Each structure stands twice: as structure tokens, then as C-alpha cells.
Amino acid sequence: MNYFQDRIKCDADKVCSKCGEPRVRAWDEMKDDEREFVHRMFRPEEARRRTHKWCVLCWEEVGDDAPRLA
């Protein structure tokens, strides 16, 4: 059972909707090797880099249009 399933997710922007872990990061928050991986796998253009986030555990892409947990 996931640790976050029993708790209210106050910071939904930081929790991955796929794996439930608090590993979601924006482009500017990632380390160089994480950015390199995202760049090679997803090829995000500049606009997507500003609005989307990625889970650095399962690499799920999270956009602004994704549903948020409250």
C-alpha cells in the first residue's frame, strides 16, 4: 500500500498521478542527467518545458491540463 493513499494530498503538483510518489519535478528543478533523459525520451519544445512536469521515478509526464487531486 502506498504511503500517500491514506493522506490528503495538499501538494498535488509534487505527487505523481501514476505511481503516487512525490517525485514530480519541473524542468528547472531537475538535475542535468534527468534533463538529458527527458530531452531524449520526450523531446519537449520550450513551451512544454515551462508548463509540464515529469516524475523522475516512473517518468510520467504531467501537464497543466492533468486532473489534480485535492
Protein backbone atom coordinates (compact mmCIF):
# COMPACT_ATOMS: atom_id res chain seq x y z
CA MET A 1 0.00 0.00 0.00
CA ASN A 2 1.27 3.41 -0.94
CA TYR A 3 2.11 5.85 1.86
CA PHE A 4 0.13 8.69 0.24
CA GLN A 5 -3.11 6.75 -0.33
CA ASP A 6 -4.27 7.39 3.24
CA ARG A 7 -3.38 11.05 3.32
CA ILE A 8 -4.83 14.19 1.79
CA LYS A 9 -2.59 15.36 -0.99
CA CYS A 10 -2.05 19.02 -0.18
CA ASP A 11 0.73 19.49 -2.70
CA ALA A 12 -0.73 17.68 -5.70
CA ASP A 13 1.74 19.29 -8.09
CA LYS A 14 4.56 17.29 -6.49
CA VAL A 15 2.83 13.88 -6.39
CA CYS A 16 2.76 11.65 -9.47
CA SER A 17 -0.70 10.55 -10.56
CA LYS A 18 0.70 7.25 -11.89
CA CYS A 19 2.98 5.99 -9.12
CA GLY A 20 1.82 8.23 -6.24
CA GLU A 21 5.33 9.23 -5.21
CA PRO A 22 6.38 12.84 -4.52
CA ARG A 23 8.96 12.88 -7.31
CA VAL A 24 7.36 15.27 -9.83
CA ARG A 25 9.75 18.00 -10.95
CA ALA A 26 9.67 20.89 -13.36
CA TRP A 27 12.40 21.31 -15.97
CA ASP A 28 14.27 23.86 -13.84
CA GLU A 29 14.18 21.60 -10.76
CA MET A 30 15.77 18.60 -12.50
CA LYS A 31 19.40 17.62 -12.38
CA ASP A 32 21.41 17.63 -15.60
CA ASP A 33 21.17 13.88 -16.14
CA GLU A 34 17.38 13.94 -15.57
CA ARG A 35 17.00 16.74 -18.12
CA GLU A 36 19.08 14.77 -20.61
CA PHE A 37 16.83 11.73 -20.17
CA VAL A 38 13.63 13.78 -20.60
CA HIS A 39 15.11 15.53 -23.62
CA ARG A 40 15.97 12.23 -25.32
CA MET A 41 12.73 10.43 -24.47
CA PHE A 42 10.09 13.16 -24.82
CA ARG A 43 11.81 15.85 -26.94
CA PRO A 44 9.87 18.68 -25.25
CA GLU A 45 9.79 22.02 -27.01
CA GLU A 46 10.33 25.19 -24.99
CA ALA A 47 6.61 25.75 -24.25
CA ARG A 48 6.22 22.21 -22.85
CA ARG A 49 9.30 22.65 -20.68
CA ARG A 50 7.66 25.63 -18.96
CA THR A 51 4.25 24.05 -18.37
CA HIS A 52 4.87 20.33 -17.94
CA LYS A 53 6.49 18.34 -15.16
CA TRP A 54 7.91 14.82 -15.08
CA CYS A 55 8.04 12.17 -12.39
CA VAL A 56 11.69 11.23 -12.01
CA LEU A 57 10.74 7.78 -10.68
CA CYS A 58 8.39 6.43 -13.38
CA TRP A 59 8.89 9.26 -15.97
CA GLU A 60 5.19 10.03 -16.28
CA GLU A 61 4.64 13.41 -17.95
CA VAL A 62 2.28 15.75 -16.11
CA GLY A 63 0.82 18.78 -17.89
CA ASP A 64 -1.23 21.70 -16.67
CA ASP A 65 -4.35 20.12 -18.12
CA ALA A 66 -3.98 16.98 -15.99
CA PRO A 67 -6.54 16.44 -13.21
CA ARG A 68 -5.33 17.45 -9.77
CA LEU A 69 -6.05 15.61 -6.53
CA ALA A 70 -7.33 17.63 -3.61
